[in-house]
N, C-alpha and C. Protein backbone atom coordinates (compact mmCIF):
# COMPACT_ATOMS: atom_id res chain seq x y z
N UNK A 1 86.13 24.50 125.25
CA UNK A 1 87.24 24.09 126.16
C UNK A 1 85.99 23.51 127.30
N UNK A 2 86.22 21.84 127.77
CA UNK A 2 86.01 21.39 128.62
C UNK A 2 86.31 21.71 130.15
N UNK A 3 85.46 21.12 131.28
CA UNK A 3 85.72 21.80 132.38
C UNK A 3 85.37 20.40 132.93
N UNK A 4 86.21 19.76 133.82
CA UNK A 4 86.08 18.51 134.44
C UNK A 4 85.66 18.86 136.06
N UNK A 5 84.52 18.08 136.22
CA UNK A 5 84.28 18.43 137.71
C UNK A 5 84.22 16.96 138.16
N UNK A 6 84.63 17.09 139.60
CA UNK A 6 85.14 15.54 140.53
C UNK A 6 84.38 15.80 141.94
N UNK A 7 84.01 14.94 142.27
CA UNK A 7 83.43 14.88 143.93
C UNK A 7 84.51 15.72 144.79
N UNK A 8 85.44 15.80 144.67
CA UNK A 8 86.57 16.42 145.31
C UNK A 8 86.27 17.92 145.23
N UNK A 9 86.45 18.12 143.94
CA UNK A 9 86.00 20.12 143.60
C UNK A 9 84.87 20.34 144.10
N UNK A 10 83.69 19.42 143.60
CA UNK A 10 82.36 19.56 144.61
C UNK A 10 82.44 19.92 145.98
N UNK A 11 82.97 19.04 146.69
CA UNK A 11 83.05 19.21 148.06
C UNK A 11 83.89 20.36 148.65
N UNK A 12 85.09 20.65 147.77
CA UNK A 12 85.82 21.77 148.58
C UNK A 12 84.90 22.78 147.96
N UNK A 13 84.39 23.25 146.75
CA UNK A 13 83.18 24.36 146.64
C UNK A 13 82.36 24.49 147.67
N UNK A 14 81.78 23.27 148.07
CA UNK A 14 80.63 23.41 149.00
C UNK A 14 81.23 24.06 150.34
N UNK A 15 82.38 23.60 150.72
CA UNK A 15 83.03 23.77 152.24
C UNK A 15 83.38 25.04 152.01
N UNK A 16 84.07 25.89 150.36
CA UNK A 16 84.88 26.68 150.93
C UNK A 16 84.54 27.32 149.26
N UNK A 17 84.19 28.18 149.19
CA UNK A 17 83.81 28.67 147.38
C UNK A 17 85.85 29.38 147.41
N UNK A 18 86.02 30.04 148.22
CA UNK A 18 87.72 30.62 148.27
C UNK A 18 88.57 29.66 147.76
N UNK A 19 88.37 28.69 148.75
CA UNK A 19 89.27 27.58 148.74
C UNK A 19 89.50 27.02 147.30
N UNK A 20 88.05 26.71 146.78
CA UNK A 20 88.24 26.16 145.49
C UNK A 20 88.40 26.94 144.50
N UNK A 21 88.06 27.88 144.61
CA UNK A 21 89.08 28.95 143.69
C UNK A 21 90.67 29.41 143.68
N UNK A 22 91.35 29.06 144.74
CA UNK A 22 92.74 29.38 145.06
C UNK A 22 93.07 27.69 144.70
N UNK A 23 92.59 26.67 145.07
CA UNK A 23 93.26 25.29 144.84
C UNK A 23 92.83 24.78 143.41
N UNK A 24 91.78 25.07 142.97
CA UNK A 24 91.62 24.63 141.05
C UNK A 24 91.58 25.56 140.30
N UNK A 25 90.94 26.87 140.50
CA UNK A 25 90.97 27.93 139.71
C UNK A 25 92.71 28.58 139.24
N UNK A 26 93.33 28.92 140.37
CA UNK A 26 94.47 29.77 140.26
C UNK A 26 95.65 28.14 140.65
N UNK A 27 94.85 27.11 140.67
CA UNK A 27 96.20 26.17 141.06
C UNK A 27 97.24 25.91 141.88
N UNK A 28 96.98 26.80 143.22
CA UNK A 28 97.88 27.09 144.49
C UNK A 28 97.95 25.63 144.73
N UNK A 29 99.06 25.49 145.04
CA UNK A 29 99.49 24.02 146.56
C UNK A 29 98.77 24.23 147.66
N UNK A 30 98.15 23.41 147.81
CA UNK A 30 97.69 23.31 149.31
C UNK A 30 98.70 23.73 150.72
N UNK A 31 99.21 23.31 150.62
CA UNK A 31 99.99 23.52 151.59
C UNK A 31 101.17 24.95 151.69
N UNK A 32 100.82 25.31 150.44
CA UNK A 32 101.53 26.93 150.22
C UNK A 32 100.77 27.58 150.29
N UNK A 33 99.21 27.14 150.33
CA UNK A 33 98.17 28.58 150.64
C UNK A 33 97.50 28.28 151.67
N UNK A 34 97.37 27.19 152.36
CA UNK A 34 96.61 26.94 153.91
C UNK A 34 97.59 26.87 154.93
N UNK A 35 99.13 27.00 154.39
CA UNK A 35 100.29 26.60 155.17
C UNK A 35 100.61 24.99 156.15
N UNK A 36 100.87 25.18 156.94
CA UNK A 36 101.24 23.83 157.50
C UNK A 36 100.22 23.35 158.60
N UNK A 37 100.02 21.94 158.35
CA UNK A 37 98.99 21.44 159.56
C UNK A 37 99.64 21.63 160.86
N UNK A 38 101.45 21.79 161.16
CA UNK A 38 101.82 21.50 162.38
C UNK A 38 101.71 22.85 162.54
N UNK A 39 101.53 24.04 162.18
CA UNK A 39 101.46 25.23 162.57
C UNK A 39 99.87 25.51 162.86
N UNK A 40 98.74 24.81 162.57
CA UNK A 40 97.26 25.12 162.66
C UNK A 40 97.58 24.49 163.79
N UNK A 41 98.06 22.94 164.45
CA UNK A 41 97.91 22.44 165.49
C UNK A 41 98.22 23.06 166.66
N UNK A 42 99.45 23.50 166.38
CA UNK A 42 99.87 24.45 167.55
C UNK A 42 99.42 25.50 167.96
N UNK A 43 98.66 26.25 166.69
CA UNK A 43 97.96 27.22 167.15
C UNK A 43 96.91 26.99 168.11
N UNK A 44 96.40 25.89 167.84
CA UNK A 44 95.29 25.38 168.36
C UNK A 44 95.39 25.02 169.74
N UNK A 45 96.46 24.27 170.38
CA UNK A 45 96.73 23.87 171.46
C UNK A 45 96.92 25.27 172.11
N UNK A 46 98.07 26.13 171.68
CA UNK A 46 98.26 27.27 172.09
C UNK A 46 96.83 27.95 172.85
N UNK A 47 95.99 28.18 171.79
CA UNK A 47 94.42 28.71 172.26
C UNK A 47 94.04 27.93 173.38
N UNK A 48 93.81 26.71 173.03
CA UNK A 48 93.32 25.83 174.37
C UNK A 48 93.97 25.69 175.58
N UNK A 49 95.25 26.15 175.27
CA UNK A 49 96.13 26.17 176.73
C UNK A 49 95.74 27.40 177.17
N UNK A 50 95.49 28.86 176.76
CA UNK A 50 95.06 29.71 176.76
C UNK A 50 93.91 29.91 177.73
N UNK A 51 92.65 29.07 177.26
CA UNK A 51 91.74 29.58 177.55
C UNK A 51 91.21 28.48 179.02
N UNK A 52 91.98 27.50 178.86
CA UNK A 52 92.01 26.26 180.04
C UNK A 52 92.56 26.60 181.18
N UNK A 53 93.89 27.60 181.10
CA UNK A 53 94.81 27.67 182.39
C UNK A 53 94.71 29.48 182.80
N UNK A 54 94.05 30.27 182.08
CA UNK A 54 93.55 31.68 182.32
C UNK A 54 93.13 31.59 183.32
N UNK A 55 93.01 32.23 184.27
CA UNK A 55 92.26 32.89 185.86
C UNK A 55 91.30 33.43 185.49
N UNK A 56 90.16 32.95 185.69
CA UNK A 56 89.35 33.90 185.39
C UNK A 56 88.49 35.26 186.34
N UNK A 57 89.70 35.15 187.83
CA UNK A 57 89.10 36.06 188.33
C UNK A 57 90.23 37.29 188.21
N UNK A 58 91.18 37.18 187.00
CA UNK A 58 92.06 38.09 186.26
C UNK A 58 91.11 39.18 185.79
N UNK A 59 90.71 40.23 185.31
CA UNK A 59 90.13 40.75 184.92
C UNK A 59 90.27 40.25 182.54
N UNK A 60 91.50 40.60 182.34
CA UNK A 60 92.25 40.06 181.13
C UNK A 60 92.97 39.83 181.27
N UNK A 61 93.77 38.50 180.34
CA UNK A 61 95.16 38.04 179.99
C UNK A 61 96.02 38.82 179.69
N UNK A 62 97.40 38.84 179.96
CA UNK A 62 98.06 39.92 179.60
C UNK A 62 98.68 38.96 178.28
N UNK A 63 99.31 40.13 177.24
CA UNK A 63 99.78 39.75 176.22
C UNK A 63 101.31 38.17 176.83
N UNK A 64 102.16 38.53 177.43
CA UNK A 64 102.86 37.98 177.81
C UNK A 64 102.40 36.36 177.91
N UNK A 65 101.28 36.24 178.84
CA UNK A 65 100.94 35.00 179.03
C UNK A 65 100.57 34.41 177.72
N UNK A 66 99.98 35.14 176.53
CA UNK A 66 99.81 34.27 175.30
C UNK A 66 101.09 34.10 174.69
N UNK A 67 102.22 35.04 175.04
CA UNK A 67 102.96 34.60 174.57
C UNK A 67 103.57 33.21 175.09
N UNK A 68 103.57 33.16 176.47
CA UNK A 68 104.18 31.85 177.07
C UNK A 68 103.52 30.67 176.59
N UNK A 69 102.10 30.80 176.80
CA UNK A 69 101.41 29.79 176.22
C UNK A 69 101.71 29.21 174.46
N UNK A 70 102.15 30.08 173.91
CA UNK A 70 103.00 29.77 172.35
C UNK A 70 104.04 29.28 172.43
N UNK A 71 104.81 29.73 173.55
CA UNK A 71 106.14 29.16 173.33
C UNK A 71 106.26 27.60 174.06
N UNK A 72 105.49 27.07 174.41
CA UNK A 72 104.76 25.89 175.38
C UNK A 72 104.65 25.10 174.16
N UNK A 73 103.88 25.62 172.68
CA UNK A 73 103.30 24.93 171.72
C UNK A 73 104.38 24.47 170.67
N UNK A 74 105.48 25.59 170.48
CA UNK A 74 106.26 25.64 169.01
C UNK A 74 107.07 24.39 168.86
N UNK A 75 107.45 23.12 169.34
CA UNK A 75 107.70 22.03 169.25
C UNK A 75 108.73 22.07 167.73
N UNK A 76 108.55 21.13 166.99
CA UNK A 76 109.20 21.01 165.95
C UNK A 76 108.86 22.15 164.59
N UNK A 77 108.59 23.05 165.17
CA UNK A 77 108.06 24.55 164.15
C UNK A 77 109.47 25.16 163.67
N UNK A 78 109.09 25.50 162.70
CA UNK A 78 110.20 26.32 161.53
C UNK A 78 110.83 27.77 162.72
N UNK A 79 111.38 28.32 162.01
CA UNK A 79 111.70 29.72 163.23
C UNK A 79 110.54 30.77 162.05
N UNK A 80 110.41 30.51 160.94
CA UNK A 80 109.17 31.32 160.07
C UNK A 80 107.96 30.73 160.98
N UNK A 81 107.64 29.63 160.81
CA UNK A 81 106.58 28.94 161.50
C UNK A 81 106.21 30.14 162.88
N UNK A 82 107.08 29.82 163.57
CA UNK A 82 106.96 30.29 165.00
C UNK A 82 106.64 31.98 164.72
N UNK A 83 107.52 32.53 164.21
CA UNK A 83 107.14 33.85 163.81
C UNK A 83 106.07 34.06 163.21
N UNK A 84 105.26 33.38 162.30
CA UNK A 84 103.99 33.33 161.70
C UNK A 84 103.20 33.15 162.75
N UNK A 85 103.02 32.24 163.91
CA UNK A 85 102.31 31.89 164.78
C UNK A 85 102.17 32.96 165.82
N UNK A 86 103.00 33.04 166.11
CA UNK A 86 102.96 34.59 167.11
C UNK A 86 102.36 35.91 166.63
N UNK A 87 102.85 36.27 165.62
CA UNK A 87 101.86 36.80 164.81
C UNK A 87 100.26 37.14 164.89
N UNK A 88 99.89 35.69 164.24
CA UNK A 88 98.74 35.59 164.37
C UNK A 88 98.21 35.44 165.86
N UNK A 89 98.57 35.16 166.68
CA UNK A 89 98.30 35.45 168.04
C UNK A 89 98.29 36.28 168.56
N UNK A 90 99.25 37.03 168.60
CA UNK A 90 98.74 39.01 168.90
C UNK A 90 98.06 39.44 168.09
N UNK A 91 97.45 38.82 166.76
CA UNK A 91 96.28 39.64 166.28
C UNK A 91 95.03 39.44 166.65
N UNK A 92 95.16 37.91 166.93
CA UNK A 92 93.72 37.39 167.84
C UNK A 92 93.66 38.21 169.24
N UNK A 93 95.01 38.25 169.65
CA UNK A 93 94.49 38.65 171.26
C UNK A 93 94.21 40.01 171.17
N UNK A 94 94.71 40.67 170.14
CA UNK A 94 94.00 42.41 170.04
C UNK A 94 92.78 42.53 169.23
N UNK A 95 92.28 41.47 168.74
CA UNK A 95 90.96 41.66 167.85
C UNK A 95 89.89 40.66 169.30
N UNK A 96 90.20 39.69 169.75
CA UNK A 96 89.47 39.02 170.11
C UNK A 96 89.05 38.78 171.97
N UNK A 97 90.62 39.24 172.47
CA UNK A 97 90.14 39.05 173.74
C UNK A 97 90.47 40.47 174.30
N UNK A 98 91.13 41.55 174.17
CA UNK A 98 91.17 42.65 174.52
C UNK A 98 90.20 43.61 174.03
N UNK A 99 89.42 43.45 173.16
CA UNK A 99 88.26 44.23 172.33
C UNK A 99 86.78 43.64 173.25
N UNK A 100 87.05 42.75 174.16
CA UNK A 100 85.66 41.93 174.70
C UNK A 100 85.54 42.63 176.17
N UNK A 101 84.18 43.88 175.86
CA UNK A 101 84.61 43.93 177.45
C UNK A 101 83.72 43.24 178.46
N UNK A 102 83.27 42.19 177.81
CA UNK A 102 82.94 41.13 179.11
C UNK A 102 84.24 40.55 179.72
N UNK A 103 84.98 40.42 179.00
CA UNK A 103 86.13 39.87 180.03
C UNK A 103 86.68 40.84 180.61
N UNK A 104 86.59 42.29 180.78
CA UNK A 104 86.79 42.93 181.20
C UNK A 104 86.39 43.47 182.66
N UNK A 105 84.75 42.75 182.81
CA UNK A 105 83.91 43.20 183.73
C UNK A 105 83.87 41.80 184.78
N UNK A 106 83.61 42.22 186.04
CA UNK A 106 83.60 40.82 187.15
C UNK A 106 82.31 40.49 186.99
N UNK A 107 82.10 39.32 186.78
CA UNK A 107 80.32 39.08 186.83
C UNK A 107 79.83 38.50 188.22
N UNK A 108 78.71 38.51 188.57
CA UNK A 108 78.13 38.12 189.50
C UNK A 108 77.21 36.96 189.37
N UNK A 109 76.59 35.76 190.24
CA UNK A 109 75.98 35.18 190.31
C UNK A 109 74.46 35.73 189.87
N UNK A 110 73.75 35.24 188.97
CA UNK A 110 72.38 36.17 189.07
C UNK A 110 71.47 36.28 190.34
N UNK A 111 70.86 36.84 190.43
CA UNK A 111 69.98 37.41 192.03
C UNK A 111 70.69 36.96 192.63
N UNK A 112 72.27 37.20 193.39
CA UNK A 112 72.60 37.68 194.16
C UNK A 112 73.35 38.50 194.70
N UNK A 113 73.12 39.34 195.70
CA UNK A 113 73.43 40.83 196.13
C UNK A 113 75.18 40.68 195.63
N UNK A 114 75.87 42.06 196.07
CA UNK A 114 77.20 42.50 196.01
C UNK A 114 77.73 41.59 197.49
N UNK A 115 77.05 42.00 198.56
CA UNK A 115 77.53 40.93 199.42
C UNK A 115 77.45 39.45 199.41
N UNK A 116 76.31 39.06 199.00
CA UNK A 116 76.86 37.40 198.99
C UNK A 116 77.90 37.09 198.18
N UNK A 117 78.22 37.75 197.02
CA UNK A 117 79.48 37.14 195.90
C UNK A 117 80.59 37.86 196.72
N UNK A 118 80.95 38.44 198.19
CA UNK A 118 82.31 38.77 198.08
C UNK A 118 82.78 37.45 199.16
N UNK A 119 84.23 37.33 198.91
CA UNK A 119 84.58 36.13 199.51
C UNK A 119 85.03 36.47 200.90
N UNK A 120 84.81 35.46 202.21
CA UNK A 120 84.99 36.29 203.58
C UNK A 120 86.60 35.49 203.55
N UNK A 121 86.76 36.26 203.84
CA UNK A 121 88.93 36.22 204.41
C UNK A 121 89.00 35.69 205.57
């Protein structure tokens, strides 16, 4: 039994052996395995908004802020995609935002004393 290799197969394997396995060995359709490009774009836009609009003087953004940013990006997504995106962002929030102690600490300028960092009112 022969196995046909192509440039596309080799490039896919080079980028991600697991993606190669699912696409060519298991013969899963790309859209069924990787999901919708629209969902991925909406997730990226929501994350960009979270980090661009987050007020860094707040020690950590709240989950309702993440939900608000997601709701701004859902556009033409199906109800299943909206629910999936919300679940992905919640996992991201608890795995990468809440768990980061650096986000909870207020930072000072290097070499500055506490008195120099206080805002005058």
